[in-house]
Amino acid sequence: MKYHINKELVVLVGPMGAGKTTIGKILAKELGFEFYDSDKEIERRSGANIPWIFDVEGEPGFRDRESLVIKDLSQRKNIVLATGGGAMMRKENQDYVSRNGFIIYLNTSVEQQHNRTHKDRNRPLLQGDKDAFQVLSELFESRDPIYREVADLVMDTDRKSLKSVVKHIIDSLEGRETK
């Protein structure tokens, strides 16, 4: 590993469309860590996609599966974990990741989220006759304070390159201040 960081678990939290998966993959590669996306891990373990799980088990069933995956992955070492947008709404998930991890809130505007997600059919909370922008706005309003509370670092990603976001995160992990 070419970096000296004092945490073996890096957790990315934030709303859908914030770039958790994209940034997480790059960050993991830079750190020499494995990358996990909790949503993809839920799909792998259950053999079903997230919209199907929501349809059959509802959001509570999905959230139960999510908590099991986060509990398991948060005990591993040398990983970057990208969590789903609603994962931190459960106190148990906050506790799992806070115990061992350095938590980074990837903050982005509702406009940016909308641009990245409004046509994505794999986002159950945005499906149906709902106004996607309104749903994203309401989710942001309720979740932003929780993301901020749990985070060790808040990283604004709007109008920033992936490279600069990853560099800032690594500098923070190493305990260096960046501008």
Protein backbone atom coordinates (compact mmCIF):
# COMPACT_ATOMS: atom_id res chain seq x y z
CA MET A 1 0.00 0.00 0.00
CA LYS A 2 1.49 3.33 -1.00
CA TYR A 3 -0.53 5.34 1.51
CA HIS A 4 -0.32 5.37 5.29
CA ILE A 5 -3.87 5.54 6.60
CA ASN A 6 -5.06 4.63 10.05
CA LYS A 7 -8.39 3.04 9.06
CA GLU A 8 -8.85 -0.30 7.33
CA LEU A 9 -12.47 0.38 6.40
CA VAL A 10 -13.54 3.39 4.37
CA VAL A 11 -17.29 3.90 4.09
CA LEU A 12 -18.97 6.17 1.55
CA VAL A 13 -22.41 7.48 2.47
CA GLY A 14 -24.71 9.94 0.76
CA PRO A 15 -27.71 10.19 -1.54
CA MET A 16 -28.31 8.21 -4.68
CA GLY A 17 -26.40 9.75 -7.56
CA ALA A 18 -23.64 11.21 -5.37
CA GLY A 19 -20.98 9.04 -7.02
CA LYS A 20 -20.38 6.58 -4.20
CA THR A 21 -19.80 3.61 -6.51
CA THR A 22 -17.72 5.47 -9.09
CA ILE A 23 -15.55 7.24 -6.51
CA GLY A 24 -15.41 4.12 -4.35
CA LYS A 25 -13.93 1.99 -7.13
CA ILE A 26 -11.23 4.56 -7.89
CA LEU A 27 -10.47 5.12 -4.20
CA ALA A 28 -10.20 1.38 -3.52
CA LYS A 29 -7.80 0.94 -6.42
CA GLU A 30 -5.63 3.84 -5.19
CA LEU A 31 -5.54 2.45 -1.65
CA GLY A 32 -5.02 -1.16 -2.72
CA PHE A 33 -8.30 -2.09 -1.01
CA GLU A 34 -11.20 -4.22 -2.22
CA PHE A 35 -14.35 -2.38 -3.26
CA TYR A 36 -17.87 -3.37 -2.22
CA ASP A 37 -21.17 -1.75 -3.11
CA SER A 38 -23.78 -2.78 -0.52
CA ASP A 39 -26.58 -2.75 -3.11
CA LYS A 40 -24.63 -5.02 -5.50
CA GLU A 41 -23.76 -7.31 -2.60
CA ILE A 42 -27.45 -7.57 -1.64
CA GLU A 43 -28.27 -8.53 -5.23
CA ARG A 44 -25.43 -11.07 -5.34
CA ARG A 45 -26.43 -12.72 -2.06
CA SER A 46 -30.16 -12.77 -2.76
CA GLY A 47 -30.01 -13.62 -6.46
CA ALA A 48 -32.53 -10.86 -7.17
CA ASN A 49 -32.30 -7.23 -8.21
CA ILE A 50 -33.26 -4.42 -5.89
CA PRO A 51 -36.50 -3.42 -7.67
CA TRP A 52 -37.69 -7.03 -7.37
CA ILE A 53 -36.80 -7.13 -3.65
CA PHE A 54 -38.73 -3.87 -3.12
CA ASP A 55 -41.72 -5.27 -5.03
CA VAL A 56 -41.82 -8.56 -3.13
CA GLU A 57 -40.58 -7.62 0.35
CA GLY A 58 -41.19 -3.88 0.41
CA GLU A 59 -38.70 -1.34 1.65
CA PRO A 60 -38.56 -2.89 5.18
CA GLY A 61 -37.51 -6.27 3.72
CA PHE A 62 -34.86 -4.61 1.60
CA ARG A 63 -33.58 -2.61 4.61
CA ASP A 64 -33.30 -5.81 6.66
CA ARG A 65 -31.15 -7.37 3.94
CA GLU A 66 -29.12 -4.17 3.72
CA SER A 67 -28.40 -4.20 7.47
CA LEU A 68 -27.15 -7.80 7.32
CA VAL A 69 -24.79 -6.96 4.45
CA ILE A 70 -23.48 -3.81 6.15
CA LYS A 71 -22.95 -5.68 9.41
CA ASP A 72 -20.89 -8.31 7.60
CA LEU A 73 -18.88 -5.98 5.37
CA SER A 74 -18.13 -3.48 8.13
CA GLN A 75 -16.16 -6.18 9.95
CA ARG A 76 -13.76 -6.70 7.05
CA LYS A 77 -10.40 -5.03 6.63
CA ASN A 78 -8.91 -3.11 3.72
CA ILE A 79 -12.14 -2.38 1.93
CA VAL A 80 -13.99 0.63 0.60
CA LEU A 81 -17.74 0.23 1.10
CA ALA A 82 -20.28 2.25 -0.85
CA THR A 83 -23.61 2.17 0.99
CA GLY A 84 -27.09 2.72 -0.38
CA GLY A 85 -28.67 6.15 0.03
CA GLY A 86 -30.97 5.03 2.84
CA ALA A 87 -28.55 2.80 4.72
CA MET A 88 -27.63 5.34 7.38
CA MET A 89 -31.27 5.88 8.34
CA ARG A 90 -30.98 2.83 10.58
CA LYS A 91 -29.04 3.43 13.80
CA GLU A 92 -27.68 -0.12 13.73
CA ASN A 93 -26.02 0.56 10.35
CA GLN A 94 -24.51 3.79 11.68
CA ASP A 95 -23.12 1.81 14.61
CA TYR A 96 -21.68 -0.94 12.39
CA VAL A 97 -19.72 1.45 10.18
CA SER A 98 -18.76 3.91 12.92
CA ARG A 99 -17.15 1.19 15.00
CA ASN A 100 -14.39 0.40 12.50
CA GLY A 101 -14.64 2.82 9.63
CA PHE A 102 -13.72 6.25 8.37
CA ILE A 103 -17.02 7.59 7.02
CA ILE A 104 -17.13 9.99 4.11
CA TYR A 105 -20.32 11.80 3.15
CA LEU A 106 -20.30 12.48 -0.59
CA ASN A 107 -22.57 15.49 -0.73
CA THR A 108 -24.09 16.60 -4.00
CA SER A 109 -26.94 18.89 -5.02
CA VAL A 110 -30.44 17.63 -5.69
CA GLU A 111 -30.03 18.94 -9.26
CA GLN A 112 -26.95 16.77 -9.77
CA GLN A 113 -28.70 13.74 -8.25
CA HIS A 114 -31.67 14.27 -10.55
CA ASN A 115 -29.44 14.53 -13.63
CA ARG A 116 -27.71 11.27 -12.72
CA THR A 117 -30.71 9.19 -11.59
CA HIS A 118 -34.04 10.27 -13.09
CA LYS A 119 -33.90 7.77 -15.98
CA ASP A 120 -32.44 4.90 -13.94
CA ARG A 121 -35.02 2.10 -13.62
CA ASN A 122 -32.98 0.44 -10.86
CA ARG A 123 -34.00 3.14 -8.33
CA PRO A 124 -37.25 1.93 -6.71
CA LEU A 125 -37.84 5.12 -4.72
CA LEU A 126 -38.00 7.12 -7.98
CA GLN A 127 -40.39 4.82 -9.85
CA GLY A 128 -44.10 5.19 -10.52
CA ASP A 129 -45.98 8.44 -10.93
CA LYS A 130 -43.74 10.32 -8.51
CA ASP A 131 -42.00 13.58 -9.33
CA ALA A 132 -38.37 12.41 -9.12
CA PHE A 133 -37.03 15.88 -8.29
CA GLN A 134 -39.55 16.25 -5.46
CA VAL A 135 -38.70 12.80 -4.08
CA LEU A 136 -34.97 13.56 -4.19
CA SER A 137 -35.55 16.92 -2.49
CA GLU A 138 -37.55 15.32 0.33
CA LEU A 139 -34.99 12.54 0.78
CA PHE A 140 -32.17 15.10 0.89
CA GLU A 141 -33.97 17.19 3.49
CA SER A 142 -34.51 14.22 5.81
CA ARG A 143 -31.20 12.41 5.25
CA ASP A 144 -28.61 15.20 4.96
CA PRO A 145 -28.47 15.87 8.74
CA ILE A 146 -27.93 12.17 9.42
CA TYR A 147 -25.17 11.86 6.81
CA ARG A 148 -23.45 14.89 8.35
CA GLU A 149 -23.77 13.51 11.87
CA VAL A 150 -22.23 10.15 11.04
CA ALA A 151 -19.47 11.45 8.73
CA ASP A 152 -15.82 11.91 9.61
CA LEU A 153 -15.44 13.92 6.38
CA VAL A 154 -18.01 15.80 4.29
CA MET A 155 -16.89 15.98 0.67
CA ASP A 156 -18.82 18.20 -1.72
CA THR A 157 -18.65 16.61 -5.16
CA ASP A 158 -20.51 19.09 -7.39
CA ARG A 159 -18.29 20.52 -10.12
CA LYS A 160 -15.26 18.56 -8.92
CA SER A 161 -13.31 16.02 -10.92
CA LEU A 162 -13.19 12.43 -9.74
CA LYS A 163 -9.41 12.76 -9.42
CA SER A 164 -9.64 15.81 -7.14
CA VAL A 165 -12.31 14.18 -4.95
CA VAL A 166 -10.23 11.02 -4.52
CA LYS A 167 -7.08 13.05 -3.79
CA HIS A 168 -8.88 15.06 -1.12
CA ILE A 169 -10.22 11.87 0.47
CA ILE A 170 -6.77 10.24 0.52
CA ASP A 171 -5.21 13.39 2.00
CA SER A 172 -7.88 13.33 4.71
CA LEU A 173 -7.29 9.63 5.39
CA GLU A 174 -3.59 10.35 5.79
CA GLY A 175 -4.32 13.21 8.14
CA ARG A 176 -3.15 15.94 5.78
CA GLU A 177 -5.17 19.08 5.21
CA THR A 178 -5.94 20.07 1.64
CA LYS A 179 -7.24 23.24 0.09
